[in-house]
């Protein structure tokens, strides 16, 4: 694995800026990989041995993904929307898994580890570089039961929603007395005001007019 400063620089470039969350994410990923026995996770064959569950949609998540090479499209990156600054690293070959959590105490200790740095963000950024892993993180050895349908690889199952006809992959359908449903049909979705439009119509009308039209119809 590359050294910390090299990984931090490339991670910040990929993410778009350098911030305390990048430092935490890079160090979290380096520690997590070491704990599960992977020293070069972005290379084959180690690439296929690792699954990471991130529990936050913050800067640190991008850093974890960058260092480890896990990706949503490869099904090796799993997003658990917990709002917790933590990630769990699973070695698929050995089954060992460790959950690494950023401590709240580390924020309070930033002034102790970088007293000469002015400004909260700058001070945290430098302090998180200097803190020992034992101060910056808590570590939990855990067990993760991974459903075979959640493993990397080709689609293992496809099911049609009996209400809208949408194909649902990899066991994500909701089973009901009337039959399998997609999540939007069964539980509601993050979007509303559904109106089918052609690609040409959408391109010609423009997003603002489409939204105005659908809101009026609702």
N, C-alpha and C. Protein backbone atom coordinates (compact mmCIF):
# COMPACT_ATOMS: atom_id res chain seq x y z
N UNK A 1 0.84 -1.19 0.00
CA UNK A 1 0.00 0.00 0.00
C UNK A 1 0.88 1.25 0.00
N UNK A 2 0.42 2.29 -0.68
CA UNK A 2 1.16 3.54 -0.68
C UNK A 2 1.19 4.13 0.73
N UNK A 3 2.11 5.08 0.92
CA UNK A 3 2.20 5.73 2.22
C UNK A 3 1.03 6.69 2.43
N UNK A 4 0.83 7.09 3.67
CA UNK A 4 -0.33 7.91 4.03
C UNK A 4 -0.40 9.21 3.25
N UNK A 5 0.69 9.95 3.17
CA UNK A 5 0.66 11.25 2.50
C UNK A 5 0.33 11.12 1.02
N UNK A 6 0.84 10.09 0.37
CA UNK A 6 0.53 9.87 -1.05
C UNK A 6 -0.94 9.54 -1.24
N UNK A 7 -1.46 8.68 -0.37
CA UNK A 7 -2.88 8.32 -0.46
C UNK A 7 -3.77 9.51 -0.15
N UNK A 8 -3.37 10.33 0.81
CA UNK A 8 -4.16 11.51 1.16
C UNK A 8 -4.20 12.49 -0.01
N UNK A 9 -3.06 12.69 -0.66
CA UNK A 9 -3.00 13.63 -1.78
C UNK A 9 -3.87 13.16 -2.93
N UNK A 10 -3.79 11.89 -3.29
CA UNK A 10 -4.58 11.39 -4.41
C UNK A 10 -6.06 11.30 -4.06
N UNK A 11 -6.36 11.01 -2.80
CA UNK A 11 -7.76 10.96 -2.37
C UNK A 11 -8.39 12.34 -2.40
N UNK A 12 -7.67 13.34 -1.90
CA UNK A 12 -8.17 14.71 -1.91
C UNK A 12 -8.38 15.20 -3.34
N UNK A 13 -7.49 14.82 -4.23
CA UNK A 13 -7.64 15.22 -5.64
C UNK A 13 -8.88 14.58 -6.24
N UNK A 14 -9.09 13.31 -5.97
CA UNK A 14 -10.27 12.62 -6.50
C UNK A 14 -11.55 13.17 -5.89
N UNK A 15 -11.51 13.50 -4.62
CA UNK A 15 -12.68 14.00 -3.90
C UNK A 15 -13.01 15.44 -4.27
N UNK A 16 -11.97 16.23 -4.51
CA UNK A 16 -12.19 17.62 -4.89
C UNK A 16 -11.62 18.64 -3.93
N UNK A 17 -11.30 18.22 -2.71
CA UNK A 17 -10.65 19.13 -1.77
C UNK A 17 -10.08 18.33 -0.60
N UNK A 18 -9.16 18.96 0.11
CA UNK A 18 -8.56 18.36 1.30
C UNK A 18 -9.28 18.89 2.53
N UNK A 19 -9.68 17.98 3.42
CA UNK A 19 -10.42 18.37 4.61
C UNK A 19 -10.16 17.35 5.71
N UNK A 20 -10.56 17.64 6.94
CA UNK A 20 -10.35 16.68 8.03
C UNK A 20 -10.98 15.32 7.75
N UNK A 21 -12.14 15.31 7.08
CA UNK A 21 -12.79 14.04 6.77
C UNK A 21 -11.96 13.17 5.85
N UNK A 22 -11.20 13.79 4.96
CA UNK A 22 -10.32 13.02 4.10
C UNK A 22 -9.22 12.33 4.91
N UNK A 23 -8.66 13.06 5.86
CA UNK A 23 -7.62 12.47 6.71
C UNK A 23 -8.18 11.28 7.49
N UNK A 24 -9.36 11.48 8.07
CA UNK A 24 -9.98 10.39 8.83
C UNK A 24 -10.26 9.19 7.94
N UNK A 25 -10.82 9.44 6.75
CA UNK A 25 -11.17 8.34 5.85
C UNK A 25 -9.97 7.56 5.36
N UNK A 26 -8.89 8.27 5.01
CA UNK A 26 -7.68 7.59 4.55
C UNK A 26 -7.10 6.74 5.66
N UNK A 27 -7.00 7.31 6.84
CA UNK A 27 -6.44 6.55 7.95
C UNK A 27 -7.35 5.40 8.37
N UNK A 28 -8.66 5.61 8.32
CA UNK A 28 -9.62 4.56 8.64
C UNK A 28 -9.45 3.38 7.69
N UNK A 29 -9.30 3.68 6.40
CA UNK A 29 -9.15 2.63 5.39
C UNK A 29 -7.83 1.89 5.56
N UNK A 30 -6.76 2.63 5.82
CA UNK A 30 -5.47 1.99 6.01
C UNK A 30 -5.49 1.05 7.21
N UNK A 31 -6.11 1.51 8.30
CA UNK A 31 -6.21 0.67 9.49
C UNK A 31 -7.11 -0.53 9.23
N UNK A 32 -8.26 -0.29 8.61
CA UNK A 32 -9.19 -1.38 8.34
C UNK A 32 -8.57 -2.48 7.48
N UNK A 33 -7.84 -2.08 6.45
CA UNK A 33 -7.20 -3.07 5.58
C UNK A 33 -6.12 -3.86 6.34
N UNK A 34 -5.36 -3.16 7.19
CA UNK A 34 -4.34 -3.84 7.97
C UNK A 34 -4.98 -4.86 8.92
N UNK A 35 -6.11 -4.49 9.49
CA UNK A 35 -6.78 -5.38 10.44
C UNK A 35 -7.27 -6.67 9.78
N UNK A 36 -7.70 -6.58 8.51
CA UNK A 36 -8.20 -7.79 7.83
C UNK A 36 -7.12 -8.44 6.97
N UNK A 37 -5.88 -7.96 7.09
CA UNK A 37 -4.76 -8.63 6.46
C UNK A 37 -4.56 -8.35 4.99
N UNK A 38 -4.97 -7.15 4.53
CA UNK A 38 -4.78 -6.79 3.12
C UNK A 38 -3.84 -5.59 3.04
N UNK A 39 -2.74 -5.73 2.32
CA UNK A 39 -1.75 -4.66 2.25
C UNK A 39 -1.78 -3.90 0.92
N UNK A 40 -2.56 -4.41 -0.03
CA UNK A 40 -2.66 -3.73 -1.34
C UNK A 40 -4.04 -4.00 -1.92
N UNK A 41 -5.09 -3.44 -1.30
CA UNK A 41 -6.46 -3.83 -1.64
C UNK A 41 -6.91 -3.47 -3.05
N UNK A 42 -6.24 -2.54 -3.70
CA UNK A 42 -6.65 -2.14 -5.05
C UNK A 42 -6.05 -3.03 -6.13
N UNK A 43 -5.25 -4.02 -5.74
CA UNK A 43 -4.61 -4.89 -6.71
C UNK A 43 -5.25 -6.28 -6.69
N UNK A 44 -5.17 -6.97 -7.80
CA UNK A 44 -5.61 -8.36 -7.85
C UNK A 44 -4.54 -9.23 -7.20
N UNK A 45 -4.89 -10.29 -6.45
CA UNK A 45 -6.26 -10.77 -6.23
C UNK A 45 -6.95 -10.14 -5.01
N UNK A 46 -6.26 -9.24 -4.29
CA UNK A 46 -6.85 -8.68 -3.07
C UNK A 46 -8.13 -7.90 -3.35
N UNK A 47 -8.23 -7.34 -4.53
CA UNK A 47 -9.41 -6.56 -4.92
C UNK A 47 -10.70 -7.36 -4.75
N UNK A 48 -10.61 -8.66 -4.97
CA UNK A 48 -11.80 -9.51 -4.91
C UNK A 48 -12.05 -10.09 -3.52
N UNK A 49 -11.19 -9.76 -2.58
CA UNK A 49 -11.32 -10.31 -1.24
C UNK A 49 -12.02 -9.36 -0.27
N UNK A 50 -12.21 -8.09 -0.68
CA UNK A 50 -12.65 -7.07 0.26
C UNK A 50 -14.04 -6.53 -0.03
N UNK A 51 -14.86 -6.44 1.02
CA UNK A 51 -16.11 -5.69 0.99
C UNK A 51 -16.06 -4.69 2.14
N UNK A 52 -16.49 -3.46 1.86
CA UNK A 52 -16.49 -2.42 2.89
C UNK A 52 -17.89 -1.85 3.02
N UNK A 53 -18.36 -1.76 4.25
CA UNK A 53 -19.64 -1.12 4.57
C UNK A 53 -19.34 0.27 5.16
N UNK A 54 -19.75 1.32 4.48
CA UNK A 54 -19.59 2.66 5.03
C UNK A 54 -20.92 3.11 5.61
N UNK A 55 -20.86 3.83 6.73
CA UNK A 55 -22.07 4.20 7.46
C UNK A 55 -22.39 5.69 7.37
N UNK A 56 -21.68 6.40 6.48
CA UNK A 56 -21.89 7.84 6.36
C UNK A 56 -21.73 8.26 4.91
N UNK A 57 -22.49 9.29 4.51
CA UNK A 57 -22.29 9.86 3.17
C UNK A 57 -21.60 11.21 3.32
N UNK A 58 -20.38 11.14 3.79
CA UNK A 58 -19.55 12.32 4.04
C UNK A 58 -18.20 12.14 3.34
N UNK A 59 -17.34 13.15 3.52
CA UNK A 59 -16.04 13.14 2.84
C UNK A 59 -15.24 11.87 3.12
N UNK A 60 -15.34 11.39 4.35
CA UNK A 60 -14.57 10.20 4.73
C UNK A 60 -14.93 8.99 3.89
N UNK A 61 -16.19 8.90 3.46
CA UNK A 61 -16.61 7.75 2.66
C UNK A 61 -15.88 7.71 1.33
N UNK A 62 -15.69 8.87 0.70
CA UNK A 62 -14.94 8.91 -0.56
C UNK A 62 -13.50 8.48 -0.34
N UNK A 63 -12.92 8.89 0.78
CA UNK A 63 -11.54 8.53 1.08
C UNK A 63 -11.41 7.02 1.30
N UNK A 64 -12.35 6.44 2.02
CA UNK A 64 -12.33 4.99 2.25
C UNK A 64 -12.41 4.24 0.92
N UNK A 65 -13.31 4.68 0.05
CA UNK A 65 -13.45 4.03 -1.25
C UNK A 65 -12.20 4.19 -2.09
N UNK A 66 -11.58 5.36 -2.04
CA UNK A 66 -10.39 5.61 -2.84
C UNK A 66 -9.23 4.71 -2.41
N UNK A 67 -9.00 4.65 -1.12
CA UNK A 67 -7.86 3.87 -0.61
C UNK A 67 -8.05 2.38 -0.87
N UNK A 68 -9.25 1.90 -0.66
CA UNK A 68 -9.51 0.46 -0.78
C UNK A 68 -9.81 0.00 -2.19
N UNK A 69 -10.30 0.92 -3.04
CA UNK A 69 -10.68 0.53 -4.39
C UNK A 69 -12.05 -0.09 -4.49
N UNK A 70 -12.81 -0.12 -3.39
CA UNK A 70 -14.16 -0.69 -3.45
C UNK A 70 -15.08 0.26 -4.21
N UNK A 71 -16.09 -0.31 -4.88
CA UNK A 71 -17.00 0.48 -5.70
C UNK A 71 -18.42 -0.07 -5.60
N UNK A 72 -19.39 0.84 -5.70
CA UNK A 72 -20.78 0.41 -5.73
C UNK A 72 -21.05 -0.50 -6.91
N UNK A 73 -20.53 -0.11 -8.07
CA UNK A 73 -20.77 -0.89 -9.28
C UNK A 73 -20.14 -2.27 -9.25
N UNK A 74 -19.13 -2.44 -8.44
CA UNK A 74 -18.48 -3.74 -8.30
C UNK A 74 -19.11 -4.53 -7.16
N UNK A 75 -20.02 -3.88 -6.44
CA UNK A 75 -20.73 -4.49 -5.32
C UNK A 75 -19.80 -4.79 -4.13
N UNK A 76 -18.66 -4.13 -4.11
CA UNK A 76 -17.75 -4.30 -2.98
C UNK A 76 -17.85 -3.16 -1.99
N UNK A 77 -18.61 -2.10 -2.36
CA UNK A 77 -18.88 -0.99 -1.46
C UNK A 77 -20.37 -1.02 -1.11
N UNK A 78 -20.65 -1.10 0.18
CA UNK A 78 -22.03 -1.13 0.65
C UNK A 78 -22.29 0.12 1.49
N UNK A 79 -23.38 0.82 1.20
CA UNK A 79 -23.72 2.03 1.95
C UNK A 79 -24.83 1.73 2.94
N UNK A 80 -24.54 1.90 4.21
CA UNK A 80 -25.50 1.75 5.28
C UNK A 80 -25.77 3.16 5.81
N UNK A 81 -26.98 3.65 5.64
CA UNK A 81 -27.29 5.05 5.94
C UNK A 81 -27.56 5.24 7.42
N UNK A 82 -26.48 5.12 8.24
CA UNK A 82 -26.60 5.22 9.69
C UNK A 82 -26.25 6.62 10.21
N UNK A 83 -25.55 7.42 9.41
CA UNK A 83 -25.10 8.71 9.89
C UNK A 83 -24.00 8.61 10.93
N UNK A 84 -23.25 7.53 10.91
CA UNK A 84 -22.16 7.30 11.86
C UNK A 84 -20.84 7.29 11.10
N UNK A 85 -19.83 7.98 11.66
CA UNK A 85 -18.52 8.03 11.01
C UNK A 85 -17.79 6.71 11.28
N UNK A 86 -18.16 5.70 10.50
CA UNK A 86 -17.62 4.37 10.72
C UNK A 86 -17.64 3.58 9.42
N UNK A 87 -16.80 2.56 9.37
CA UNK A 87 -16.79 1.64 8.22
C UNK A 87 -16.36 0.27 8.71
N UNK A 88 -16.94 -0.76 8.10
CA UNK A 88 -16.60 -2.14 8.43
C UNK A 88 -15.91 -2.78 7.24
N UNK A 89 -14.79 -3.42 7.51
CA UNK A 89 -13.95 -4.03 6.48
C UNK A 89 -14.04 -5.55 6.63
N UNK A 90 -14.41 -6.21 5.53
CA UNK A 90 -14.63 -7.66 5.56
C UNK A 90 -13.69 -8.34 4.57
N UNK A 91 -12.92 -9.29 5.07
CA UNK A 91 -12.08 -10.12 4.20
C UNK A 91 -12.91 -11.34 3.82
N UNK A 92 -13.34 -11.41 2.55
CA UNK A 92 -14.21 -12.49 2.11
C UNK A 92 -13.52 -13.85 2.15
N UNK A 93 -12.22 -13.85 2.06
CA UNK A 93 -11.48 -15.12 2.06
C UNK A 93 -11.40 -15.72 3.46
N UNK A 94 -11.16 -14.89 4.45
CA UNK A 94 -10.99 -15.39 5.82
C UNK A 94 -12.25 -15.23 6.66
N UNK A 95 -13.14 -14.33 6.26
CA UNK A 95 -14.33 -14.06 7.04
C UNK A 95 -14.12 -13.06 8.17
N UNK A 96 -12.88 -12.62 8.38
CA UNK A 96 -12.62 -11.67 9.47
C UNK A 96 -13.16 -10.30 9.09
N UNK A 97 -13.72 -9.61 10.09
CA UNK A 97 -14.31 -8.30 9.84
C UNK A 97 -14.08 -7.40 11.05
N UNK A 98 -13.76 -6.14 10.76
CA UNK A 98 -13.53 -5.15 11.81
C UNK A 98 -14.29 -3.87 11.46
N UNK A 99 -14.96 -3.32 12.47
CA UNK A 99 -15.65 -2.04 12.33
C UNK A 99 -14.79 -0.97 12.99
N UNK A 100 -14.45 0.05 12.21
CA UNK A 100 -13.59 1.13 12.68
C UNK A 100 -14.43 2.39 12.79
N UNK A 101 -14.45 3.00 13.98
CA UNK A 101 -15.26 4.19 14.25
C UNK A 101 -14.38 5.36 14.61
N UNK A 102 -14.66 6.51 14.03
CA UNK A 102 -13.98 7.73 14.41
C UNK A 102 -14.53 8.20 15.76
N UNK A 103 -13.64 8.53 16.68
CA UNK A 103 -14.08 8.91 18.03
C UNK A 103 -14.47 10.38 18.10
N UNK A 104 -15.46 10.66 18.93
CA UNK A 104 -15.84 12.05 19.18
C UNK A 104 -14.76 12.75 20.00
N UNK A 105 -14.06 11.98 20.83
CA UNK A 105 -13.01 12.56 21.67
C UNK A 105 -11.90 13.19 20.84
N UNK A 106 -11.65 12.64 19.65
CA UNK A 106 -10.58 13.16 18.81
C UNK A 106 -10.83 14.61 18.43
N UNK A 107 -12.08 15.00 18.27
CA UNK A 107 -12.39 16.39 17.93
C UNK A 107 -12.03 17.32 19.09
N UNK A 108 -12.29 16.84 20.31
CA UNK A 108 -11.98 17.66 21.49
C UNK A 108 -10.47 17.74 21.74
N UNK A 109 -9.73 16.76 21.22
CA UNK A 109 -8.29 16.71 21.48
C UNK A 109 -7.46 17.37 20.38
N UNK A 110 -8.12 17.92 19.38
CA UNK A 110 -7.38 18.52 18.27
C UNK A 110 -6.42 19.60 18.74
N UNK A 111 -6.86 20.43 19.68
CA UNK A 111 -6.00 21.51 20.18
C UNK A 111 -4.77 20.98 20.90
N UNK A 112 -4.90 19.81 21.50
CA UNK A 112 -3.77 19.20 22.21
C UNK A 112 -2.71 18.69 21.23
N UNK A 113 -3.14 18.15 20.09
CA UNK A 113 -2.20 17.56 19.15
C UNK A 113 -1.67 18.55 18.11
N UNK A 114 -2.36 19.67 17.93
CA UNK A 114 -1.88 20.69 16.99
C UNK A 114 -2.12 22.08 17.57
N UNK A 115 -1.51 22.38 18.71
CA UNK A 115 -1.79 23.65 19.40
C UNK A 115 -1.35 24.89 18.62
N UNK A 116 -0.38 24.72 17.73
CA UNK A 116 0.15 25.87 17.01
C UNK A 116 -0.66 26.26 15.78
N UNK A 117 -1.65 25.42 15.41
CA UNK A 117 -2.42 25.66 14.20
C UNK A 117 -3.66 26.49 14.53
N UNK A 118 -3.87 27.54 13.75
CA UNK A 118 -5.00 28.45 13.97
C UNK A 118 -6.16 28.05 13.05
N UNK A 119 -7.37 28.07 13.60
CA UNK A 119 -8.56 27.72 12.83
C UNK A 119 -8.98 26.30 13.10
N UNK A 120 -10.28 26.09 13.35
CA UNK A 120 -10.78 24.78 13.76
C UNK A 120 -10.50 23.71 12.71
N UNK A 121 -10.87 23.98 11.45
CA UNK A 121 -10.70 22.96 10.41
C UNK A 121 -9.23 22.65 10.17
N UNK A 122 -8.41 23.67 10.09
CA UNK A 122 -6.98 23.46 9.86
C UNK A 122 -6.34 22.72 11.02
N UNK A 123 -6.78 23.05 12.23
CA UNK A 123 -6.24 22.38 13.41
C UNK A 123 -6.63 20.91 13.44
N UNK A 124 -7.89 20.62 13.11
CA UNK A 124 -8.32 19.23 13.07
C UNK A 124 -7.56 18.46 11.99
N UNK A 125 -7.40 19.08 10.83
CA UNK A 125 -6.71 18.41 9.73
C UNK A 125 -5.31 17.98 10.16
N UNK A 126 -4.59 18.88 10.80
CA UNK A 126 -3.22 18.56 11.23
C UNK A 126 -3.22 17.59 12.41
N UNK A 127 -4.13 17.79 13.35
CA UNK A 127 -4.19 16.91 14.52
C UNK A 127 -4.50 15.48 14.13
N UNK A 128 -5.43 15.30 13.20
CA UNK A 128 -5.80 13.95 12.77
C UNK A 128 -4.65 13.25 12.05
N UNK A 129 -3.76 14.03 11.49
CA UNK A 129 -2.54 13.43 10.91
C UNK A 129 -1.64 12.85 12.00
N UNK A 130 -1.61 13.51 13.16
CA UNK A 130 -0.65 13.19 14.21
C UNK A 130 -1.16 12.19 15.24
N UNK A 131 -2.46 12.13 15.43
CA UNK A 131 -3.01 11.29 16.50
C UNK A 131 -2.69 9.81 16.28
N UNK A 132 -2.42 9.09 17.37
CA UNK A 132 -2.29 7.63 17.26
C UNK A 132 -3.65 7.01 16.87
N UNK A 133 -3.60 5.86 16.24
CA UNK A 133 -4.85 5.18 15.87
C UNK A 133 -5.75 4.97 17.08
N UNK A 134 -5.13 4.70 18.24
CA UNK A 134 -5.90 4.41 19.45
C UNK A 134 -6.71 5.62 19.93
N UNK A 135 -6.27 6.81 19.56
CA UNK A 135 -6.99 8.03 19.94
C UNK A 135 -8.03 8.40 18.89
N UNK A 136 -7.65 8.24 17.64
CA UNK A 136 -8.52 8.66 16.54
C UNK A 136 -9.67 7.69 16.31
N UNK A 137 -9.48 6.42 16.66
CA UNK A 137 -10.48 5.40 16.33
C UNK A 137 -10.81 4.48 17.49
N UNK A 138 -12.00 3.92 17.42
CA UNK A 138 -12.38 2.73 18.18
C UNK A 138 -12.46 1.58 17.18
N UNK A 139 -12.13 0.38 17.63
CA UNK A 139 -12.16 -0.79 16.74
C UNK A 139 -13.00 -1.89 17.37
N UNK A 140 -13.89 -2.45 16.57
CA UNK A 140 -14.71 -3.57 17.02
C UNK A 140 -14.52 -4.75 16.06
N UNK A 141 -14.19 -5.91 16.58
CA UNK A 141 -14.20 -7.11 15.74
C UNK A 141 -15.65 -7.58 15.66
N UNK A 142 -16.14 -7.77 14.46
CA UNK A 142 -17.55 -8.08 14.26
C UNK A 142 -17.71 -9.28 13.34
N UNK A 143 -18.93 -9.76 13.28
CA UNK A 143 -19.29 -10.79 12.31
C UNK A 143 -20.29 -10.19 11.33
N UNK A 144 -20.08 -10.41 10.06
CA UNK A 144 -20.98 -9.90 9.03
C UNK A 144 -21.48 -11.08 8.21
N UNK A 145 -22.77 -11.35 8.32
CA UNK A 145 -23.39 -12.42 7.54
C UNK A 145 -23.82 -11.83 6.19
N UNK A 146 -23.09 -12.14 5.16
CA UNK A 146 -23.37 -11.57 3.85
C UNK A 146 -24.24 -12.53 3.04
N UNK A 147 -25.39 -12.03 2.65
CA UNK A 147 -26.29 -12.81 1.80
C UNK A 147 -25.60 -13.09 0.46
N UNK A 148 -25.65 -14.31 -0.04
CA UNK A 148 -25.04 -14.60 -1.35
C UNK A 148 -25.53 -13.66 -2.45
N UNK A 149 -26.77 -13.16 -2.33
CA UNK A 149 -27.29 -12.24 -3.34
C UNK A 149 -26.61 -10.86 -3.27
N UNK A 150 -25.88 -10.59 -2.20
CA UNK A 150 -25.19 -9.31 -2.05
C UNK A 150 -23.72 -9.38 -2.44
N UNK A 151 -23.25 -10.54 -2.82
CA UNK A 151 -21.84 -10.71 -3.17
C UNK A 151 -21.54 -10.14 -4.56
N UNK A 152 -20.29 -9.74 -4.80
CA UNK A 152 -19.90 -9.32 -6.15
C UNK A 152 -20.12 -10.44 -7.15
N UNK A 153 -20.26 -10.05 -8.41
CA UNK A 153 -20.48 -11.04 -9.46
C UNK A 153 -21.73 -10.76 -10.25
N UNK A 154 -22.08 -11.64 -11.16
CA UNK A 154 -23.25 -11.42 -12.01
C UNK A 154 -24.55 -11.46 -11.22
N UNK A 155 -25.60 -10.90 -11.80
CA UNK A 155 -26.92 -10.94 -11.18
C UNK A 155 -27.36 -12.38 -10.96
N UNK A 156 -27.77 -12.69 -9.76
CA UNK A 156 -28.14 -14.05 -9.41
C UNK A 156 -29.65 -14.30 -9.49
N UNK A 157 -30.43 -13.21 -9.43
CA UNK A 157 -31.88 -13.39 -9.48
C UNK A 157 -32.55 -12.12 -9.98
N UNK A 158 -33.56 -12.29 -10.80
CA UNK A 158 -34.37 -11.18 -11.28
C UNK A 158 -35.83 -11.48 -11.01
N UNK A 159 -36.54 -10.48 -10.53
CA UNK A 159 -37.96 -10.65 -10.21
C UNK A 159 -38.71 -9.44 -10.75
N UNK A 160 -39.88 -9.69 -11.35
CA UNK A 160 -40.70 -8.59 -11.86
C UNK A 160 -41.69 -8.15 -10.80
N UNK A 161 -41.79 -6.85 -10.58
CA UNK A 161 -42.80 -6.27 -9.69
C UNK A 161 -44.17 -6.50 -10.32
N UNK A 162 -45.09 -7.08 -9.55
CA UNK A 162 -46.40 -7.40 -10.13
C UNK A 162 -47.28 -6.16 -10.32
N UNK A 163 -46.86 -5.04 -9.74
CA UNK A 163 -47.67 -3.83 -9.86
C UNK A 163 -47.22 -2.95 -11.03
N UNK A 164 -45.93 -2.69 -11.14
CA UNK A 164 -45.45 -1.79 -12.20
C UNK A 164 -44.66 -2.50 -13.28
N UNK A 165 -44.29 -3.77 -13.03
CA UNK A 165 -43.56 -4.53 -14.03
C UNK A 165 -42.06 -4.34 -14.02
N UNK A 166 -41.55 -3.45 -13.18
CA UNK A 166 -40.12 -3.18 -13.12
C UNK A 166 -39.36 -4.43 -12.66
N UNK A 167 -38.22 -4.70 -13.32
CA UNK A 167 -37.38 -5.83 -12.92
C UNK A 167 -36.54 -5.43 -11.72
N UNK A 168 -36.56 -6.26 -10.70
CA UNK A 168 -35.78 -6.02 -9.48
C UNK A 168 -34.71 -7.10 -9.39
N UNK A 169 -33.49 -6.66 -9.17
CA UNK A 169 -32.35 -7.58 -9.16
C UNK A 169 -31.90 -7.95 -7.75
N UNK A 170 -31.32 -9.12 -7.65
CA UNK A 170 -30.57 -9.56 -6.48
C UNK A 170 -31.37 -9.57 -5.18
N UNK A 171 -32.63 -9.97 -5.26
CA UNK A 171 -33.41 -10.20 -4.06
C UNK A 171 -33.86 -8.95 -3.33
N UNK A 172 -33.87 -7.80 -4.00
CA UNK A 172 -34.27 -6.56 -3.35
C UNK A 172 -35.78 -6.33 -3.40
N UNK A 173 -36.54 -7.29 -3.95
CA UNK A 173 -37.99 -7.14 -3.98
C UNK A 173 -38.58 -7.31 -2.59
N UNK A 174 -39.80 -6.82 -2.41
CA UNK A 174 -40.52 -6.95 -1.15
C UNK A 174 -41.63 -7.97 -1.36
N UNK A 175 -41.65 -9.00 -0.53
CA UNK A 175 -42.65 -10.05 -0.67
C UNK A 175 -43.91 -9.68 0.10
N UNK A 176 -45.01 -9.70 -0.58
CA UNK A 176 -46.30 -9.35 0.02
C UNK A 176 -47.31 -10.45 -0.32
N UNK A 177 -48.46 -10.46 0.36
CA UNK A 177 -49.47 -11.47 0.04
C UNK A 177 -49.92 -11.45 -1.42
N UNK A 178 -49.88 -10.27 -2.06
CA UNK A 178 -50.29 -10.20 -3.46
C UNK A 178 -49.17 -10.59 -4.41
N UNK A 179 -47.95 -10.70 -3.91
CA UNK A 179 -46.82 -11.08 -4.74
C UNK A 179 -45.65 -10.14 -4.56
N UNK A 180 -44.57 -10.33 -5.33
CA UNK A 180 -43.37 -9.49 -5.17
C UNK A 180 -43.60 -8.08 -5.70
N UNK A 181 -43.13 -7.10 -4.93
CA UNK A 181 -43.21 -5.70 -5.33
C UNK A 181 -41.83 -5.08 -5.28
N UNK A 182 -41.59 -4.09 -6.13
CA UNK A 182 -40.37 -3.29 -6.01
C UNK A 182 -40.54 -2.40 -4.78
N UNK A 183 -39.45 -1.89 -4.26
CA UNK A 183 -39.51 -1.06 -3.05
C UNK A 183 -40.38 0.18 -3.25
N UNK A 184 -40.27 0.92 -4.36
CA UNK A 184 -41.14 2.09 -4.52
C UNK A 184 -42.63 1.74 -4.45
N UNK A 185 -43.02 0.63 -5.04
CA UNK A 185 -44.43 0.24 -5.00
C UNK A 185 -44.84 -0.24 -3.62
N UNK A 186 -43.94 -0.88 -2.91
CA UNK A 186 -44.29 -1.46 -1.62
C UNK A 186 -44.23 -0.45 -0.48
N UNK A 187 -43.24 0.45 -0.53
CA UNK A 187 -43.00 1.31 0.63
C UNK A 187 -42.98 2.80 0.30
N UNK A 188 -43.16 3.13 -0.95
CA UNK A 188 -43.01 4.53 -1.34
C UNK A 188 -41.57 4.80 -1.73
N UNK A 189 -41.36 5.93 -2.42
CA UNK A 189 -40.05 6.22 -2.97
C UNK A 189 -39.61 7.63 -2.60
N UNK A 190 -38.38 7.95 -2.96
CA UNK A 190 -37.85 9.28 -2.72
C UNK A 190 -38.35 10.29 -3.74
N UNK A 191 -39.03 9.83 -4.80
CA UNK A 191 -39.55 10.72 -5.83
C UNK A 191 -41.08 10.68 -5.82
N UNK A 192 -41.70 11.74 -6.37
CA UNK A 192 -43.15 11.81 -6.48
C UNK A 192 -43.51 12.35 -7.85
N UNK A 193 -44.81 12.51 -8.09
CA UNK A 193 -45.31 13.12 -9.34
C UNK A 193 -44.80 12.38 -10.56
N UNK A 194 -45.00 11.08 -10.60
CA UNK A 194 -44.49 10.27 -11.71
C UNK A 194 -45.31 10.52 -12.97
N UNK A 195 -44.63 10.85 -14.06
CA UNK A 195 -45.26 11.00 -15.36
C UNK A 195 -44.28 10.52 -16.41
N UNK A 196 -44.65 9.48 -17.15
CA UNK A 196 -43.77 8.97 -18.19
C UNK A 196 -43.64 10.01 -19.31
N UNK A 197 -42.41 10.28 -19.72
CA UNK A 197 -42.16 11.19 -20.84
C UNK A 197 -41.13 10.54 -21.76
N UNK A 198 -41.17 10.90 -23.02
CA UNK A 198 -40.17 10.41 -23.95
C UNK A 198 -38.87 11.19 -23.76
N UNK A 199 -37.78 10.62 -24.20
CA UNK A 199 -36.49 11.30 -24.10
C UNK A 199 -36.54 12.62 -24.87
N UNK A 200 -37.10 12.59 -26.08
CA UNK A 200 -37.17 13.81 -26.88
C UNK A 200 -38.00 14.89 -26.20
N UNK A 201 -39.11 14.49 -25.57
CA UNK A 201 -39.95 15.46 -24.88
C UNK A 201 -39.20 16.09 -23.72
N UNK A 202 -38.50 15.25 -22.97
CA UNK A 202 -37.75 15.74 -21.82
C UNK A 202 -36.67 16.72 -22.24
N UNK A 203 -35.97 16.40 -23.33
CA UNK A 203 -34.89 17.27 -23.79
C UNK A 203 -35.42 18.60 -24.32
N UNK A 204 -36.58 18.55 -24.98
CA UNK A 204 -37.14 19.77 -25.55
C UNK A 204 -37.81 20.64 -24.49
N UNK A 205 -38.48 20.02 -23.54
CA UNK A 205 -39.23 20.76 -22.54
C UNK A 205 -38.33 21.41 -21.52
N UNK A 206 -37.29 20.68 -21.10
CA UNK A 206 -36.41 21.21 -20.06
C UNK A 206 -36.89 20.81 -18.69
N UNK A 207 -35.98 20.63 -17.76
CA UNK A 207 -36.34 20.12 -16.43
C UNK A 207 -37.28 21.02 -15.66
N UNK A 208 -37.12 22.32 -15.73
CA UNK A 208 -37.96 23.21 -14.92
C UNK A 208 -39.41 23.14 -15.35
N UNK A 209 -39.65 23.05 -16.66
CA UNK A 209 -41.03 22.99 -17.15
C UNK A 209 -41.67 21.66 -16.82
N UNK A 210 -40.88 20.59 -16.89
CA UNK A 210 -41.41 19.26 -16.55
C UNK A 210 -41.81 19.23 -15.08
N UNK A 211 -40.95 19.76 -14.20
CA UNK A 211 -41.27 19.77 -12.78
C UNK A 211 -42.51 20.60 -12.50
N UNK A 212 -42.63 21.73 -13.19
CA UNK A 212 -43.80 22.57 -12.99
C UNK A 212 -45.07 21.86 -13.44
N UNK A 213 -44.96 21.14 -14.55
CA UNK A 213 -46.11 20.43 -15.09
C UNK A 213 -46.55 19.30 -14.16
N UNK A 214 -45.59 18.52 -13.68
CA UNK A 214 -45.93 17.37 -12.83
C UNK A 214 -46.46 17.85 -11.48
N UNK A 215 -45.93 18.97 -10.97
CA UNK A 215 -46.43 19.49 -9.69
C UNK A 215 -47.88 19.94 -9.84
N UNK A 216 -48.21 20.54 -10.99
CA UNK A 216 -49.58 20.98 -11.23
C UNK A 216 -50.53 19.79 -11.31
N UNK A 217 -50.06 18.71 -11.99
CA UNK A 217 -50.91 17.52 -12.14
C UNK A 217 -51.14 16.83 -10.79
N UNK A 218 -50.14 16.94 -9.89
CA UNK A 218 -50.28 16.29 -8.58
C UNK A 218 -51.36 16.98 -7.76
